[in-house]
Amino acid sequence: MRCLYEVLSVDKAADDDTIKKAYRKAALIWHPDKNQHRLDEADVHFKEIQNAYEVLSDKHERTWYDSHRDQILKSGERHQAGGGGGGFSPGERPEDELDLFQYFSSSCYSGFGDGPKGFYGVYSELFQALADQELAAFEASDAAGARTATPPAYPSFGSSDASSAEVFGFYRSWGSFVTHKDFAWADPYNPATAPNRQVRRKMEDENRKARRVQRREYLDNVRELVAFVKKRDKRMVKFQAEEAARRAEQQAAEVARRAAEREERLRRAAEYQEPEWVGAAAASDSEASDAEEEEEEQQQQHYCIV
């Protein structure tokens, strides 16, 4: 796996414009339509170029890539965890610990099919493996012994024809992923070798710190992977477009309904005619008012002093 900056031939401090120009230049050189004589090689390079630009043009993904670049480039290798000191060796990652970094690249799948090498086949197998590990960790934890404890549920990734409810449910659940692993393998010290109680406590404190670091990193990696996959999931693109169209249709219908109601109110106002009794009552009130005014005027004349 090559460094994404190397793929686009740019410096790690390159700005957005530089990255965009480099992408266009590289894409123009390796576009399959212009390399019919070496189509397979062009397909590989073009896909690599597209993946590099997708990551480096996204501020969030680029920041995460920069902070995990060495691990991503070395994905597939096993590393020692923690830091040794005082003659003690750190623990090793279990052999069944999944290497997630290799899945942060479009090179891990080929096309968007459901087959073993397709997008949906690859990530379906990955998330199922993650779910199996979490269930095993839960069964081995103290939480499994509690009376009210229920095993965690992890929705499957599904296939290319999964329903919108299944797809949204998957991302909603995995987007807030929590782990039941204890990360005991990250312990840099073996408290059983401590010469006294004070040293043993310090060892245990360091072990707890190391476990917290690995837990936090693992959670971040899984959630970042979910976001990475979601952005490239063609099902989400389809469902989000359908949802946007549905909302636009609802808004248009609401606007039309309000306009129709307004037109109906105006029509009724224009056609409105007062009943005859309303006019008669108004005339009667007017005559009564005139009579009262005339009587009041006569009274004023009667009391007038000459």
C-alpha atoms as a PDB file:
ATOM      1  CA  MET A   1       0.000   0.000   0.000  1.00  0.00           C
ATOM      2  CA  ARG A   2       1.469   3.346  -1.059  1.00  0.00           C
ATOM      3  CA  CYS A   3       1.237   6.634   0.809  1.00  0.00           C
ATOM      4  CA  LEU A   4      -1.648   8.721  -0.524  1.00  0.00           C
ATOM      5  CA  TYR A   5       0.589  11.769  -0.853  1.00  0.00           C
ATOM      6  CA  GLU A   6       3.009   9.687  -2.890  1.00  0.00           C
ATOM      7  CA  VAL A   7       0.166   8.516  -5.138  1.00  0.00           C
ATOM      8  CA  LEU A   8      -0.651  12.124  -6.059  1.00  0.00           C
ATOM      9  CA  SER A   9       3.007  13.231  -5.963  1.00  0.00           C
ATOM     10  CA  VAL A  10       2.352  16.031  -3.466  1.00  0.00           C
ATOM     11  CA  ASP A  11       3.931  17.131  -0.216  1.00  0.00           C
ATOM     12  CA  LYS A  12       2.242  16.303   3.098  1.00  0.00           C
ATOM     13  CA  ALA A  13       1.692  20.040   3.642  1.00  0.00           C
ATOM     14  CA  ALA A  14       0.008  20.537   0.244  1.00  0.00           C
ATOM     15  CA  ASP A  15      -3.114  22.704   0.274  1.00  0.00           C
ATOM     16  CA  ASP A  16      -6.479  21.782  -1.264  1.00  0.00           C
ATOM     17  CA  ASP A  17      -5.798  23.465  -4.603  1.00  0.00           C
ATOM     18  CA  THR A  18      -2.471  21.695  -5.020  1.00  0.00           C
ATOM     19  CA  ILE A  19      -4.073  18.349  -4.235  1.00  0.00           C
ATOM     20  CA  LYS A  20      -6.893  18.981  -6.702  1.00  0.00           C
ATOM     21  CA  LYS A  21      -4.483  19.925  -9.493  1.00  0.00           C
ATOM     22  CA  ALA A  22      -2.309  16.894  -8.790  1.00  0.00           C
ATOM     23  CA  TYR A  23      -5.358  14.645  -8.855  1.00  0.00           C
ATOM     24  CA  ARG A  24      -6.542  15.987 -12.209  1.00  0.00           C
ATOM     25  CA  LYS A  25      -3.069  15.582 -13.692  1.00  0.00           C
ATOM     26  CA  ALA A  26      -2.658  12.018 -12.441  1.00  0.00           C
ATOM     27  CA  ALA A  27      -6.214  11.053 -13.425  1.00  0.00           C
ATOM     28  CA  LEU A  28      -5.642  12.382 -16.922  1.00  0.00           C
ATOM     29  CA  ILE A  29      -2.489  10.291 -17.286  1.00  0.00           C
ATOM     30  CA  TRP A  30      -3.959   7.047 -15.976  1.00  0.00           C
ATOM     31  CA  HIS A  31      -7.563   7.259 -17.151  1.00  0.00           C
ATOM     32  CA  PRO A  32      -8.498   3.836 -18.595  1.00  0.00           C
ATOM     33  CA  ASP A  33      -9.916   5.414 -21.764  1.00  0.00           C
ATOM     34  CA  LYS A  34      -6.452   6.707 -22.612  1.00  0.00           C
ATOM     35  CA  ASN A  35      -4.636   3.508 -21.746  1.00  0.00           C
ATOM     36  CA  GLN A  36      -6.357   0.805 -23.730  1.00  0.00           C
ATOM     37  CA  HIS A  37      -2.973  -0.803 -24.428  1.00  0.00           C
ATOM     38  CA  ARG A  38      -2.423  -1.327 -20.662  1.00  0.00           C
ATOM     39  CA  LEU A  39      -5.970  -1.385 -19.349  1.00  0.00           C
ATOM     40  CA  ASP A  40      -5.424  -3.594 -16.288  1.00  0.00           C
ATOM     41  CA  GLU A  41      -2.508  -1.498 -15.077  1.00  0.00           C
ATOM     42  CA  ALA A  42      -4.446   1.725 -15.730  1.00  0.00           C
ATOM     43  CA  ASP A  43      -7.460   0.450 -13.781  1.00  0.00           C
ATOM     44  CA  VAL A  44      -5.281  -0.231 -10.746  1.00  0.00           C
ATOM     45  CA  HIS A  45      -3.559   3.167 -10.858  1.00  0.00           C
ATOM     46  CA  PHE A  46      -6.761   5.093 -11.579  1.00  0.00           C
ATOM     47  CA  LYS A  47      -8.551   3.457  -8.656  1.00  0.00           C
ATOM     48  CA  GLU A  48      -5.574   4.235  -6.413  1.00  0.00           C
ATOM     49  CA  ILE A  49      -5.605   7.882  -7.548  1.00  0.00           C
ATOM     50  CA  GLN A  50      -9.338   8.230  -6.920  1.00  0.00           C
ATOM     51  CA  ASN A  51      -9.016   6.766  -3.429  1.00  0.00           C
ATOM     52  CA  ALA A  52      -6.125   9.124  -2.591  1.00  0.00           C
ATOM     53  CA  TYR A  53      -8.114  12.161  -3.689  1.00  0.00           C
ATOM     54  CA  GLU A  54     -11.289  11.066  -1.856  1.00  0.00           C
ATOM     55  CA  VAL A  55      -9.366  10.868   1.407  1.00  0.00           C
ATOM     56  CA  LEU A  56      -7.074  13.892   1.061  1.00  0.00           C
ATOM     57  CA  SER A  57      -9.826  16.202  -0.217  1.00  0.00           C
ATOM     58  CA  ASP A  58     -11.938  15.487   2.872  1.00  0.00           C
ATOM     59  CA  LYS A  59     -10.634  17.523   5.829  1.00  0.00           C
ATOM     60  CA  HIS A  60     -11.799  15.023   8.444  1.00  0.00           C
ATOM     61  CA  GLU A  61     -10.518  11.935   6.632  1.00  0.00           C
ATOM     62  CA  ARG A  62      -7.217  13.625   5.832  1.00  0.00           C
ATOM     63  CA  THR A  63      -6.642  14.541   9.498  1.00  0.00           C
ATOM     64  CA  TRP A  64      -7.348  10.992  10.584  1.00  0.00           C
ATOM     65  CA  TYR A  65      -5.125   9.591   7.837  1.00  0.00           C
ATOM     66  CA  ASP A  66      -2.242  11.861   8.825  1.00  0.00           C
ATOM     67  CA  SER A  67      -2.417  10.717  12.438  1.00  0.00           C
ATOM     68  CA  HIS A  68      -2.535   7.018  11.468  1.00  0.00           C
ATOM     69  CA  ARG A  69      -0.419   7.085   8.317  1.00  0.00           C
ATOM     70  CA  ASP A  70       2.391   4.849   9.561  1.00  0.00           C
ATOM     71  CA  GLN A  71      -0.039   2.231  10.846  1.00  0.00           C
ATOM     72  CA  ILE A  72      -1.987   2.228   7.605  1.00  0.00           C
ATOM     73  CA  LEU A  73       1.144   1.844   5.505  1.00  0.00           C
ATOM     74  CA  LYS A  74       2.272  -1.042   7.703  1.00  0.00           C
ATOM     75  CA  SER A  75      -1.164  -2.680   7.876  1.00  0.00           C
ATOM     76  CA  GLY A  76      -0.923  -6.430   7.882  1.00  0.00           C
ATOM     77  CA  GLU A  77       2.102  -6.455  10.154  1.00  0.00           C
ATOM     78  CA  ARG A  78       1.971  -7.346  13.841  1.00  0.00           C
ATOM     79  CA  HIS A  79       3.261  -4.789  16.300  1.00  0.00           C
ATOM     80  CA  GLN A  80       4.257  -4.818  19.909  1.00  0.00           C
ATOM     81  CA  ALA A  81       1.920  -2.802  22.117  1.00  0.00           C
ATOM     82  CA  GLY A  82       2.915  -0.370  24.837  1.00  0.00           C
ATOM     83  CA  GLY A  83       6.405   0.614  25.864  1.00  0.00           C
ATOM     84  CA  GLY A  84       8.872  -1.568  27.657  1.00  0.00           C
ATOM     85  CA  GLY A  85      10.809  -0.458  30.646  1.00  0.00           C
ATOM     86  CA  GLY A  86      12.761  -1.826  33.559  1.00  0.00           C
ATOM     87  CA  GLY A  87      13.358  -5.130  31.782  1.00  0.00           C
ATOM     88  CA  PHE A  88       9.668  -5.849  31.261  1.00  0.00           C
ATOM     89  CA  SER A  89       8.324  -6.674  27.797  1.00  0.00           C
ATOM     90  CA  PRO A  90       4.972  -5.323  26.622  1.00  0.00           C
ATOM     91  CA  GLY A  91       2.210  -7.717  25.677  1.00  0.00           C
ATOM     92  CA  GLU A  92       1.595  -8.758  22.108  1.00  0.00           C
ATOM     93  CA  ARG A  93      -1.588  -8.261  20.123  1.00  0.00           C
ATOM     94  CA  PRO A  94      -3.587 -11.484  19.836  1.00  0.00           C
ATOM     95  CA  GLU A  95      -3.297 -13.274  16.514  1.00  0.00           C
ATOM     96  CA  ASP A  96      -7.035 -12.934  15.963  1.00  0.00           C
ATOM     97  CA  GLU A  97      -6.946  -9.150  16.473  1.00  0.00           C
ATOM     98  CA  LEU A  98      -8.283  -7.725  13.211  1.00  0.00           C
ATOM     99  CA  ASP A  99      -6.072  -5.341  11.279  1.00  0.00           C
ATOM    100  CA  LEU A 100      -8.562  -2.571  10.484  1.00  0.00           C
ATOM    101  CA  PHE A 101      -6.190  -0.224   8.703  1.00  0.00           C
ATOM    102  CA  GLN A 102      -6.089  -2.259   5.507  1.00  0.00           C
ATOM    103  CA  TYR A 103      -9.824  -1.598   5.116  1.00  0.00           C
ATOM    104  CA  PHE A 104      -9.337   2.176   4.929  1.00  0.00           C
ATOM    105  CA  SER A 105      -8.639   1.933   1.222  1.00  0.00           C
ATOM    106  CA  SER A 106     -10.608   1.129  -1.892  1.00  0.00           C
ATOM    107  CA  SER A 107      -7.843  -1.322  -2.767  1.00  0.00           C
ATOM    108  CA  CYS A 108      -9.310  -3.827  -0.309  1.00  0.00           C
ATOM    109  CA  TYR A 109     -12.307  -4.468  -2.580  1.00  0.00           C
ATOM    110  CA  SER A 110     -13.009  -4.739  -6.266  1.00  0.00           C
ATOM    111  CA  GLY A 111     -16.299  -3.323  -7.516  1.00  0.00           C
ATOM    112  CA  PHE A 112     -19.547  -3.046  -5.584  1.00  0.00           C
ATOM    113  CA  GLY A 113     -20.743  -6.614  -5.795  1.00  0.00           C
ATOM    114  CA  ASP A 114     -21.744  -9.110  -3.110  1.00  0.00           C
ATOM    115  CA  GLY A 115     -18.969 -11.563  -3.978  1.00  0.00           C
ATOM    116  CA  PRO A 116     -15.973 -12.297  -1.708  1.00  0.00           C
ATOM    117  CA  LYS A 117     -13.919  -9.485  -3.269  1.00  0.00           C
ATOM    118  CA  GLY A 118     -16.757  -7.021  -3.801  1.00  0.00           C
ATOM    119  CA  PHE A 119     -17.471  -4.007  -1.581  1.00  0.00           C
ATOM    120  CA  TYR A 120     -20.450  -5.616   0.147  1.00  0.00           C
ATOM    121  CA  GLY A 121     -18.797  -9.014   0.434  1.00  0.00           C
ATOM    122  CA  VAL A 122     -15.589  -7.640   1.981  1.00  0.00           C
ATOM    123  CA  TYR A 123     -17.206  -5.346   4.539  1.00  0.00           C
ATOM    124  CA  SER A 124     -19.981  -7.779   5.372  1.00  0.00           C
ATOM    125  CA  GLU A 125     -17.359 -10.356   6.330  1.00  0.00           C
ATOM    126  CA  LEU A 126     -15.344  -7.768   8.279  1.00  0.00           C
ATOM    127  CA  PHE A 127     -18.222  -6.449  10.379  1.00  0.00           C
ATOM    128  CA  GLN A 128     -19.445  -9.974  11.062  1.00  0.00           C
ATOM    129  CA  ALA A 129     -15.981 -10.856  12.358  1.00  0.00           C
ATOM    130  CA  LEU A 130     -15.989  -7.759  14.563  1.00  0.00           C
ATOM    131  CA  ALA A 131     -19.434  -8.671  15.904  1.00  0.00           C
ATOM    132  CA  ASP A 132     -18.328 -12.246  16.656  1.00  0.00           C
ATOM    133  CA  GLN A 133     -15.328 -10.972  18.596  1.00  0.00           C
ATOM    134  CA  GLU A 134     -17.491  -8.611  20.620  1.00  0.00           C
ATOM    135  CA  LEU A 135     -19.963 -11.353  21.482  1.00  0.00           C
ATOM    136  CA  ALA A 136     -17.106 -13.611  22.577  1.00  0.00           C
ATOM    137  CA  ALA A 137     -15.649 -10.802  24.693  1.00  0.00           C
ATOM    138  CA  PHE A 138     -19.042 -10.164  26.283  1.00  0.00           C
ATOM    139  CA  GLU A 139     -19.445 -13.838  27.190  1.00  0.00           C
ATOM    140  CA  ALA A 140     -16.014 -13.812  28.797  1.00  0.00           C
ATOM    141  CA  SER A 141     -16.633 -10.589  30.740  1.00  0.00           C
ATOM    142  CA  ASP A 142     -18.117 -10.076  34.202  1.00  0.00           C
ATOM    143  CA  ALA A 143     -21.140  -8.413  32.598  1.00  0.00           C
ATOM    144  CA  ALA A 144     -22.274 -11.749  31.161  1.00  0.00           C
ATOM    145  CA  GLY A 145     -22.799 -13.075  34.696  1.00  0.00           C
ATOM    146  CA  ALA A 146     -25.246 -10.346  35.691  1.00  0.00           C
ATOM    147  CA  ARG A 147     -28.883 -11.389  35.830  1.00  0.00           C
ATOM    148  CA  THR A 148     -30.070  -8.445  33.754  1.00  0.00           C
ATOM    149  CA  ALA A 149     -27.279  -8.711  31.195  1.00  0.00           C
ATOM    150  CA  THR A 150     -28.307  -9.266  27.606  1.00  0.00           C
ATOM    151  CA  PRO A 151     -25.844 -10.003  24.796  1.00  0.00           C
ATOM    152  CA  PRO A 152     -25.180  -6.989  22.565  1.00  0.00           C
ATOM    153  CA  ALA A 153     -26.844  -6.936  19.141  1.00  0.00           C
ATOM    154  CA  TYR A 154     -24.802  -5.962  16.097  1.00  0.00           C
ATOM    155  CA  PRO A 155     -26.758  -5.518  12.837  1.00  0.00           C
ATOM    156  CA  SER A 156     -25.176  -7.145   9.809  1.00  0.00           C
ATOM    157  CA  PHE A 157     -23.772  -5.056   6.988  1.00  0.00           C
ATOM    158  CA  GLY A 158     -26.100  -6.673   4.489  1.00  0.00           C
ATOM    159  CA  SER A 159     -25.926  -7.066   0.742  1.00  0.00           C
ATOM    160  CA  SER A 160     -26.228  -4.622  -2.138  1.00  0.00           C
ATOM    161  CA  ASP A 161     -30.026  -5.058  -2.207  1.00  0.00           C
ATOM    162  CA  ALA A 162     -30.617  -4.500   1.523  1.00  0.00           C
ATOM    163  CA  SER A 163     -33.582  -2.323   2.447  1.00  0.00           C
ATOM    164  CA  SER A 164     -33.217   1.254   3.627  1.00  0.00           C
ATOM    165  CA  ALA A 165     -34.345   0.232   7.122  1.00  0.00           C
ATOM    166  CA  GLU A 166     -31.560  -2.364   7.304  1.00  0.00           C
ATOM    167  CA  VAL A 167     -28.903   0.000   5.989  1.00  0.00           C
ATOM    168  CA  PHE A 168     -29.879   2.939   8.222  1.00  0.00           C
ATOM    169  CA  GLY A 169     -30.138   0.560  11.186  1.00  0.00           C
ATOM    170  CA  PHE A 170     -26.626  -0.748  10.564  1.00  0.00           C
ATOM    171  CA  TYR A 171     -25.010   2.692  10.446  1.00  0.00           C
ATOM    172  CA  ARG A 172     -27.031   3.976  13.390  1.00  0.00           C
ATOM    173  CA  SER A 173     -25.883   1.063  15.563  1.00  0.00           C
ATOM    174  CA  TRP A 174     -22.260   0.817  14.468  1.00  0.00           C
ATOM    175  CA  GLY A 175     -21.862   4.596  14.413  1.00  0.00           C
ATOM    176  CA  SER A 176     -22.107   4.543  18.224  1.00  0.00           C
ATOM    177  CA  PHE A 177     -20.069   1.360  18.607  1.00  0.00           C
ATOM    178  CA  VAL A 178     -18.833   0.319  22.056  1.00  0.00           C
ATOM    179  CA  THR A 179     -16.541  -2.590  22.828  1.00  0.00           C
ATOM    180  CA  HIS A 180     -16.605  -5.340  25.468  1.00  0.00           C
ATOM    181  CA  LYS A 181     -12.951  -6.273  25.018  1.00  0.00           C
ATOM    182  CA  ASP A 182     -10.722  -5.896  28.067  1.00  0.00           C
ATOM    183  CA  PHE A 183      -7.455  -5.270  26.133  1.00  0.00           C
ATOM    184  CA  ALA A 184      -5.511  -7.213  28.727  1.00  0.00           C
ATOM    185  CA  TRP A 185      -2.947  -7.973  26.021  1.00  0.00           C
ATOM    186  CA  ALA A 186      -1.858  -4.319  26.194  1.00  0.00           C
ATOM    187  CA  ASP A 187      -0.489  -4.704  29.747  1.00  0.00           C
ATOM    188  CA  PRO A 188       3.178  -3.672  29.722  1.00  0.00           C
ATOM    189  CA  TYR A 189       3.825  -5.281  33.116  1.00  0.00           C
ATOM    190  CA  ASN A 190       3.116  -8.507  34.915  1.00  0.00           C
ATOM    191  CA  PRO A 191       2.110  -7.610  38.491  1.00  0.00           C
ATOM    192  CA  ALA A 192       2.940 -11.139  39.625  1.00  0.00           C
ATOM    193  CA  THR A 193       6.626 -10.316  39.192  1.00  0.00           C
ATOM    194  CA  ALA A 194       6.462  -7.255  41.473  1.00  0.00           C
ATOM    195  CA  PRO A 195       8.880  -7.412  44.459  1.00  0.00           C
ATOM    196  CA  ASN A 196       6.417  -5.685  46.793  1.00  0.00           C
ATOM    197  CA  ARG A 197       2.900  -4.300  47.076  1.00  0.00           C
ATOM    198  CA  GLN A 198       3.873  -0.720  46.198  1.00  0.00           C
ATOM    199  CA  VAL A 199       5.517  -1.748  42.925  1.00  0.00           C
ATOM    200  CA  ARG A 200       2.619  -4.046  42.113  1.00  0.00           C
ATOM    201  CA  ARG A 201       0.145  -1.168  42.466  1.00  0.00           C
ATOM    202  CA  LYS A 202       2.226   1.006  40.158  1.00  0.00           C
ATOM    203  CA  MET A 203       2.330  -1.821  37.627  1.00  0.00           C
ATOM    204  CA  GLU A 204      -1.437  -2.224  37.801  1.00  0.00           C
ATOM    205  CA  ASP A 205      -1.925   1.521  37.327  1.00  0.00           C
ATOM    206  CA  GLU A 206       0.282   1.481  34.229  1.00  0.00           C
ATOM    207  CA  ASN A 207      -1.584  -1.530  32.909  1.00  0.00           C
ATOM    208  CA  ARG A 208      -4.935   0.242  33.327  1.00  0.00           C
ATOM    209  CA  LYS A 209      -3.590   3.285  31.481  1.00  0.00           C
ATOM    210  CA  ALA A 210      -2.321   1.121  28.638  1.00  0.00           C
ATOM    211  CA  ARG A 211      -5.695  -0.613  28.360  1.00  0.00           C
ATOM    212  CA  ARG A 212      -7.546   2.714  28.255  1.00  0.00           C
ATOM    213  CA  VAL A 213      -5.296   3.948  25.461  1.00  0.00           C
ATOM    214  CA  GLN A 214      -5.883   0.825  23.388  1.00  0.00           C
ATOM    215  CA  ARG A 215      -9.619   0.874  24.066  1.00  0.00           C
ATOM    216  CA  ARG A 216      -9.895   4.505  22.979  1.00  0.00           C
ATOM    217  CA  GLU A 217      -7.853   3.861  19.848  1.00  0.00           C
ATOM    218  CA  TYR A 218      -9.898   0.784  18.979  1.00  0.00           C
ATOM    219  CA  LEU A 219     -13.197   2.638  19.374  1.00  0.00           C
ATOM    220  CA  ASP A 220     -11.953   5.521  17.242  1.00  0.00           C
ATOM    221  CA  ASN A 221     -10.716   3.159  14.546  1.00  0.00           C
ATOM    222  CA  VAL A 222     -13.973   1.219  14.312  1.00  0.00           C
ATOM    223  CA  ARG A 223     -16.112   4.370  14.222  1.00  0.00           C
ATOM    224  CA  GLU A 224     -13.841   5.991  11.651  1.00  0.00           C
ATOM    225  CA  LEU A 225     -14.050   2.844   9.549  1.00  0.00           C
ATOM    226  CA  VAL A 226     -17.852   2.959   9.720  1.00  0.00           C
ATOM    227  CA  ALA A 227     -17.783   6.574   8.512  1.00  0.00           C
ATOM    228  CA  PHE A 228     -15.314   5.651   5.757  1.00  0.00           C
ATOM    229  CA  VAL A 229     -17.529   2.827   4.506  1.00  0.00           C
ATOM    230  CA  LYS A 230     -20.736   4.852   4.815  1.00  0.00           C
ATOM    231  CA  LYS A 231     -19.370   7.618   2.610  1.00  0.00           C
ATOM    232  CA  ARG A 232     -18.664   5.078  -0.159  1.00  0.00           C
ATOM    233  CA  ASP A 233     -21.753   2.901   0.256  1.00  0.00           C
ATOM    234  CA  LYS A 234     -23.824   3.259  -2.914  1.00  0.00           C
ATOM    235  CA  ARG A 235     -26.915   2.138  -1.011  1.00  0.00           C
ATOM    236  CA  MET A 236     -26.647   5.225   1.194  1.00  0.00           C
ATOM    237  CA  VAL A 237     -26.240   7.447  -1.850  1.00  0.00           C
ATOM    238  CA  LYS A 238     -29.404   5.939  -3.331  1.00  0.00           C
ATOM    239  CA  PHE A 239     -31.460   6.064  -0.139  1.00  0.00           C
ATOM    240  CA  GLN A 240     -30.375   9.598   0.721  1.00  0.00           C
ATOM    241  CA  ALA A 241     -31.339  10.758  -2.765  1.00  0.00           C
ATOM    242  CA  GLU A 242     -34.721   9.052  -2.417  1.00  0.00           C
ATOM    243  CA  GLU A 243     -35.225  10.605   1.013  1.00  0.00           C
ATOM    244  CA  ALA A 244     -34.336  14.062  -0.322  1.00  0.00           C
ATOM    245  CA  ALA A 245     -36.789  13.600  -3.199  1.00  0.00           C
ATOM    246  CA  ARG A 246     -39.503  12.461  -0.799  1.00  0.00           C
ATOM    247  CA  ARG A 247     -38.998  15.485   1.438  1.00  0.00           C
ATOM    248  CA  ALA A 248     -39.002  17.817  -1.551  1.00  0.00           C
ATOM    249  CA  GLU A 249     -42.264  16.246  -2.719  1.00  0.00           C
ATOM    250  CA  GLN A 250     -43.802  16.683   0.730  1.00  0.00           C
ATOM    251  CA  GLN A 251     -42.712  20.320   0.866  1.00  0.00           C
ATOM    252  CA  ALA A 252     -44.136  20.968  -2.611  1.00  0.00           C
ATOM    253  CA  ALA A 253     -47.418  19.339  -1.613  1.00  0.00           C
ATOM    254  CA  GLU A 254     -47.570  21.491   1.530  1.00  0.00           C
ATOM    255  CA  VAL A 255     -46.945  24.678  -0.472  1.00  0.00           C
ATOM    256  CA  ALA A 256     -49.663  23.673  -2.964  1.00  0.00           C
ATOM    257  CA  ARG A 257     -52.101  22.926  -0.128  1.00  0.00           C
ATOM    258  CA  ARG A 258     -51.559  26.324   1.481  1.00  0.00           C
ATOM    259  CA  ALA A 259     -51.955  28.084  -1.870  1.00  0.00           C
ATOM    260  CA  ALA A 260     -55.210  26.213  -2.529  1.00  0.00           C
ATOM    261  CA  GLU A 261     -56.551  27.144   0.899  1.00  0.00           C
ATOM    262  CA  ARG A 262     -55.703  30.804   0.293  1.00  0.00           C
ATOM    263  CA  GLU A 263     -57.407  30.770  -3.104  1.00  0.00           C
ATOM    264  CA  GLU A 264     -60.492  29.193  -1.549  1.00  0.00           C
ATOM    265  CA  ARG A 265     -60.662  31.882   1.151  1.00  0.00           C
ATOM    266  CA  LEU A 266     -60.388  34.636  -1.473  1.00  0.00           C
ATOM    267  CA  ARG A 267     -63.083  33.021  -3.602  1.00  0.00           C
ATOM    268  CA  ARG A 268     -65.478  32.749  -0.690  1.00  0.00           C
ATOM    269  CA  ALA A 269     -64.818  36.353   0.286  1.00  0.00           C
ATOM    270  CA  ALA A 270     -65.570  37.524  -3.270  1.00  0.00           C
ATOM    271  CA  GLU A 271     -68.818  35.523  -3.440  1.00  0.00           C
ATOM    272  CA  TYR A 272     -70.052  36.543  -0.020  1.00  0.00           C
ATOM    273  CA  GLN A 273     -73.440  38.372   0.126  1.00  0.00           C
ATOM    274  CA  GLU A 274     -75.005  39.771   3.253  1.00  0.00           C
ATOM    275  CA  PRO A 275     -78.452  38.370   4.191  1.00  0.00           C
ATOM    276  CA  GLU A 276     -81.431  40.759   3.807  1.00  0.00           C
ATOM    277  CA  TRP A 277     -82.054  40.814   7.537  1.00  0.00           C
ATOM    278  CA  VAL A 278     -78.545  42.244   8.077  1.00  0.00           C
ATOM    279  CA  GLY A 279     -79.371  45.220   5.829  1.00  0.00           C
ATOM    280  CA  ALA A 280     -82.790  45.731   7.435  1.00  0.00           C
ATOM    281  CA  ALA A 281     -81.292  45.672  10.891  1.00  0.00           C
ATOM    282  CA  ALA A 282     -78.676  48.205   9.862  1.00  0.00           C
ATOM    283  CA  ALA A 283     -81.371  50.526   8.429  1.00  0.00           C
ATOM    284  CA  SER A 284     -83.462  50.205  11.598  1.00  0.00           C
ATOM    285  CA  ASP A 285     -80.462  51.040  13.739  1.00  0.00           C
ATOM    286  CA  SER A 286     -79.775  54.078  11.564  1.00  0.00           C
ATOM    287  CA  GLU A 287     -83.350  55.379  11.918  1.00  0.00           C
ATOM    288  CA  ALA A 288     -83.281  54.891  15.657  1.00  0.00           C
ATOM    289  CA  SER A 289     -80.011  56.765  15.836  1.00  0.00           C
ATOM    290  CA  ASP A 290     -81.443  59.678  13.806  1.00  0.00           C
ATOM    291  CA  ALA A 291     -84.512  59.850  16.080  1.00  0.00           C
ATOM    292  CA  GLU A 292     -82.344  59.966  19.173  1.00  0.00           C
ATOM    293  CA  GLU A 293     -80.228  62.763  17.727  1.00  0.00           C
ATOM    294  CA  GLU A 294     -83.363  64.779  16.808  1.00  0.00           C
ATOM    295  CA  GLU A 295     -84.855  64.368  20.278  1.00  0.00           C
ATOM    296  CA  GLU A 296     -81.591  65.437  21.873  1.00  0.00           C
ATOM    297  CA  GLU A 297     -81.467  68.546  19.685  1.00  0.00           C
ATOM    298  CA  GLN A 298     -85.030  69.528  20.687  1.00  0.00           C
ATOM    299  CA  GLN A 299     -84.181  69.200  24.345  1.00  0.00           C
ATOM    300  CA  GLN A 300     -81.191  71.480  23.895  1.00  0.00           C
ATOM    301  CA  GLN A 301     -83.404  74.119  22.216  1.00  0.00           C
ATOM    302  CA  HIS A 302     -85.979  73.871  25.050  1.00  0.00           C
ATOM    303  CA  TYR A 303     -83.404  74.698  27.690  1.00  0.00           C
ATOM    304  CA  CYS A 304     -81.684  77.402  25.670  1.00  0.00           C
ATOM    305  CA  ILE A 305     -81.576  80.811  27.531  1.00  0.00           C
ATOM    306  CA  VAL A 306     -82.121  83.895  25.363  1.00  0.00           C
END
